[in-house]
Every structure is written in C-alpha cells, then in structure tokens.
C-alpha atoms as a PDB file:
ATOM      1  CA  MET A   1      58.400 -56.332 149.397  1.00  0.00           C
ATOM      2  CA  ASP A   2      60.478 -58.937 147.608  1.00  0.00           C
ATOM      3  CA  ARG A   3      60.519 -62.617 148.482  1.00  0.00           C
ATOM      4  CA  ILE A   4      63.758 -62.480 150.491  1.00  0.00           C
ATOM      5  CA  SER A   5      62.461 -59.577 152.592  1.00  0.00           C
ATOM      6  CA  ALA A   6      59.223 -61.448 153.240  1.00  0.00           C
ATOM      7  CA  ILE A   7      61.110 -64.559 154.334  1.00  0.00           C
ATOM      8  CA  ARG A   8      63.341 -62.511 156.638  1.00  0.00           C
ATOM      9  CA  ASN A   9      60.321 -60.822 158.208  1.00  0.00           C
ATOM     10  CA  VAL A  10      58.663 -64.191 158.820  1.00  0.00           C
ATOM     11  CA  GLU A  11      61.912 -65.529 160.310  1.00  0.00           C
ATOM     12  CA  ASP A  12      62.082 -62.489 162.616  1.00  0.00           C
ATOM     13  CA  ALA A  13      58.508 -63.112 163.751  1.00  0.00           C
ATOM     14  CA  LEU A  14      59.257 -66.787 164.426  1.00  0.00           C
ATOM     15  CA  ARG A  15      62.442 -65.910 166.304  1.00  0.00           C
ATOM     16  CA  GLU A  16      60.519 -63.521 168.571  1.00  0.00           C
ATOM     17  CA  PHE A  17      57.944 -66.250 169.200  1.00  0.00           C
ATOM     18  CA  GLU A  18      60.656 -68.813 170.014  1.00  0.00           C
ATOM     19  CA  ASN A  19      62.357 -66.357 172.372  1.00  0.00           C
ATOM     20  CA  GLY A  20      59.112 -65.661 174.190  1.00  0.00           C
ATOM     21  CA  ASP A  21      59.027 -62.041 173.025  1.00  0.00           C
ATOM     22  CA  ALA A  22      55.704 -62.552 171.190  1.00  0.00           C
ATOM     23  CA  ASP A  23      52.718 -64.795 171.751  1.00  0.00           C
ATOM     24  CA  LEU A  24      51.099 -66.985 169.119  1.00  0.00           C
ATOM     25  CA  ALA A  25      48.345 -64.510 168.250  1.00  0.00           C
ATOM     26  CA  ALA A  26      50.836 -61.673 167.700  1.00  0.00           C
ATOM     27  CA  THR A  27      53.053 -63.957 165.615  1.00  0.00           C
ATOM     28  CA  GLU A  28      50.114 -65.052 163.468  1.00  0.00           C
ATOM     29  CA  ARG A  29      49.099 -61.420 162.874  1.00  0.00           C
ATOM     30  CA  ARG A  30      52.644 -60.446 161.943  1.00  0.00           C
ATOM     31  CA  VAL A  31      53.126 -63.370 159.547  1.00  0.00           C
ATOM     32  CA  ALA A  32      49.719 -62.711 157.948  1.00  0.00           C
ATOM     33  CA  ALA A  33      50.638 -59.040 157.512  1.00  0.00           C
ATOM     34  CA  VAL A  34      53.921 -59.997 155.850  1.00  0.00           C
ATOM     35  CA  LEU A  35      52.149 -62.362 153.480  1.00  0.00           C
ATOM     36  CA  ARG A  36      49.436 -59.807 152.710  1.00  0.00           C
ATOM     37  CA  THR A  37      52.046 -57.140 151.959  1.00  0.00           C
ATOM     38  CA  TYR A  38      54.050 -59.536 149.810  1.00  0.00           C
ATOM     39  CA  ALA A  39      50.956 -60.603 147.861  1.00  0.00           C
ATOM     40  CA  THR A  40      49.769 -57.062 147.197  1.00  0.00           C
ATOM     41  CA  GLU A  41      53.232 -55.940 146.110  1.00  0.00           C
ATOM     42  CA  PHE A  42      53.977 -59.113 144.153  1.00  0.00           C
ATOM     43  CA  ASP A  43      56.382 -58.347 141.322  1.00  0.00           C
ATOM     44  CA  GLY A  44      56.362 -61.468 139.191  1.00  0.00           C
ATOM     45  CA  ASP A  45      55.155 -62.421 135.734  1.00  0.00           C
ATOM     46  CA  ASP A  46      51.671 -63.151 137.078  1.00  0.00           C
ATOM     47  CA  ASP A  47      49.088 -60.880 138.686  1.00  0.00           C
ATOM     48  CA  VAL A  48      47.534 -61.021 142.138  1.00  0.00           C
ATOM     49  CA  PHE A  49      43.773 -61.616 142.241  1.00  0.00           C
ATOM     50  CA  ARG A  50      41.221 -61.556 145.088  1.00  0.00           C
ATOM     51  CA  ALA A  51      37.943 -63.481 144.956  1.00  0.00           C
ATOM     52  CA  VAL A  52      34.788 -61.538 145.758  1.00  0.00           C
ATOM     53  CA  GLY A  53      31.509 -63.393 146.172  1.00  0.00           C
ATOM     54  CA  ASP A  54      30.241 -66.521 147.926  1.00  0.00           C
ATOM     55  CA  ASP A  55      31.549 -67.122 151.440  1.00  0.00           C
ATOM     56  CA  ALA A  56      33.388 -70.306 150.428  1.00  0.00           C
ATOM     57  CA  VAL A  57      35.850 -68.278 148.341  1.00  0.00           C
ATOM     58  CA  ASP A  58      35.355 -64.608 149.310  1.00  0.00           C
ATOM     59  CA  GLY A  59      38.632 -62.889 150.139  1.00  0.00           C
ATOM     60  CA  THR A  60      40.835 -65.660 148.765  1.00  0.00           C
ATOM     61  CA  VAL A  61      43.961 -64.163 147.192  1.00  0.00           C
ATOM     62  CA  VAL A  62      45.921 -66.025 144.502  1.00  0.00           C
ATOM     63  CA  VAL A  63      48.678 -65.342 141.994  1.00  0.00           C
ATOM     64  CA  ALA A  64      47.813 -66.285 138.412  1.00  0.00           C
ATOM     65  CA  PRO A  65      48.591 -65.338 134.800  1.00  0.00           C
ATOM     66  CA  SER A  66      44.948 -64.537 133.911  1.00  0.00           C
ATOM     67  CA  GLU A  67      41.453 -64.179 135.354  1.00  0.00           C
ATOM     68  CA  PRO A  68      40.341 -67.684 134.232  1.00  0.00           C
ATOM     69  CA  ALA A  69      43.475 -69.184 135.802  1.00  0.00           C
ATOM     70  CA  ALA A  70      42.826 -67.157 138.954  1.00  0.00           C
ATOM     71  CA  ARG A  71      39.269 -68.567 139.166  1.00  0.00           C
ATOM     72  CA  GLU A  72      40.654 -72.114 138.934  1.00  0.00           C
ATOM     73  CA  ARG A  73      43.280 -71.417 141.605  1.00  0.00           C
ATOM     74  CA  VAL A  74      40.695 -69.862 143.919  1.00  0.00           C
ATOM     75  CA  LEU A  75      38.581 -73.000 143.618  1.00  0.00           C
ATOM     76  CA  ALA A  76      41.606 -75.234 144.175  1.00  0.00           C
ATOM     77  CA  VAL A  77      42.880 -73.491 147.310  1.00  0.00           C
ATOM     78  CA  SER A  78      39.372 -73.187 148.726  1.00  0.00           C
ATOM     79  CA  GLY A  79      38.910 -76.950 148.681  1.00  0.00           C
ATOM     80  CA  VAL A  80      36.311 -76.902 145.935  1.00  0.00           C
ATOM     81  CA  ASP A  81      37.006 -79.482 143.246  1.00  0.00           C
ATOM     82  CA  SER A  82      36.779 -77.597 139.956  1.00  0.00           C
ATOM     83  CA  ASP A  83      37.381 -80.689 137.811  1.00  0.00           C
ATOM     84  CA  GLU A  84      34.205 -82.464 138.841  1.00  0.00           C
ATOM     85  CA  GLY A  85      30.693 -81.164 138.455  1.00  0.00           C
ATOM     86  CA  HIS A  86      29.453 -82.308 141.848  1.00  0.00           C
ATOM     87  CA  PRO A  87      29.917 -81.248 145.448  1.00  0.00           C
ATOM     88  CA  SER A  88      33.215 -82.310 146.970  1.00  0.00           C
ATOM     89  CA  ASP A  89      31.898 -82.473 150.516  1.00  0.00           C
ATOM     90  CA  GLY A  90      28.777 -80.303 150.801  1.00  0.00           C
ATOM     91  CA  GLU A  91      25.292 -81.750 151.040  1.00  0.00           C
ATOM     92  CA  ASN A  92      23.280 -79.278 148.992  1.00  0.00           C
ATOM     93  CA  GLY A  93      25.794 -78.289 146.358  1.00  0.00           C
ATOM     94  CA  GLU A  94      27.386 -75.510 148.367  1.00  0.00           C
ATOM     95  CA  ASP A  95      30.831 -76.777 147.360  1.00  0.00           C
ATOM     96  CA  ASP A  96      29.824 -77.388 143.749  1.00  0.00           C
ATOM     97  CA  PRO A  97      31.997 -75.119 141.590  1.00  0.00           C
ATOM     98  CA  GLU A  98      29.041 -74.628 139.243  1.00  0.00           C
ATOM     99  CA  SER A  99      26.935 -73.156 142.066  1.00  0.00           C
ATOM    100  CA  LEU A 100      29.554 -70.729 143.396  1.00  0.00           C
ATOM    101  CA  GLU A 101      29.156 -67.142 142.347  1.00  0.00           C
ATOM    102  CA  PHE A 102      32.278 -64.997 142.535  1.00  0.00           C
ATOM    103  CA  ASP A 103      34.458 -62.639 140.565  1.00  0.00           C
ATOM    104  CA  VAL A 104      38.210 -62.220 140.665  1.00  0.00           C
ATOM    105  CA  ASP A 105      39.642 -58.718 140.829  1.00  0.00           C
ATOM    106  CA  ARG A 106      43.241 -57.694 140.340  1.00  0.00           C
ATOM    107  CA  VAL A 107      44.721 -56.455 143.592  1.00  0.00           C
END
C-alpha cells in the first residue's frame, strides 16, 4: 500500500465515522489496520523494524535506515530518553535505556 492509498483509506474511515456509519472503536481498528498494512509494505529507502523484548518497547514498529537507528527510534517513540543515562520518569530504572532489553527485527 502506498502513502496515497493509506491516506485515502484513513479519510474513508474518518468520513464513515463523521457520517455515523461507524463508531469510534471500529474507526480506530480500521485506521490501525491501514497503518499496520502501510508499515509492513513500506517501500522507501529505509526498512521497517519491530521491537521485541521488554514491555516498555515490545511491539513498537519504526522505519529506520539501520538496526542501530531503529533501536534509537524505538526508544524515542516509547518515551524513553536514550540521550541520558538515567530514568526519564520511572522510579527503579524501568525507563532507563540502559536497563531495557530488546531486539529489533526487520518486518
């Protein structure tokens, strides 16, 4: 699915919601499915990666040029500050990037 198709599918889902033809839960599922399909079929210069590991990042999907870049993006979008060596908001280091254990796999 290319970007334009994804945008059109999201617009269709929003239109159905606005017209009362779909409820919020159905619209959320449809938009998530569009995004998931777009991400797994992404046809850009970068690759799509999924994080597998600690709950704070498990299942996070990002687009990145390499595995190290993907790890950094996973940390960034998960709210874990990868530039500092201390927890961003956890009490026992659970949000400390040094304590997170995860791998990134190409999707």
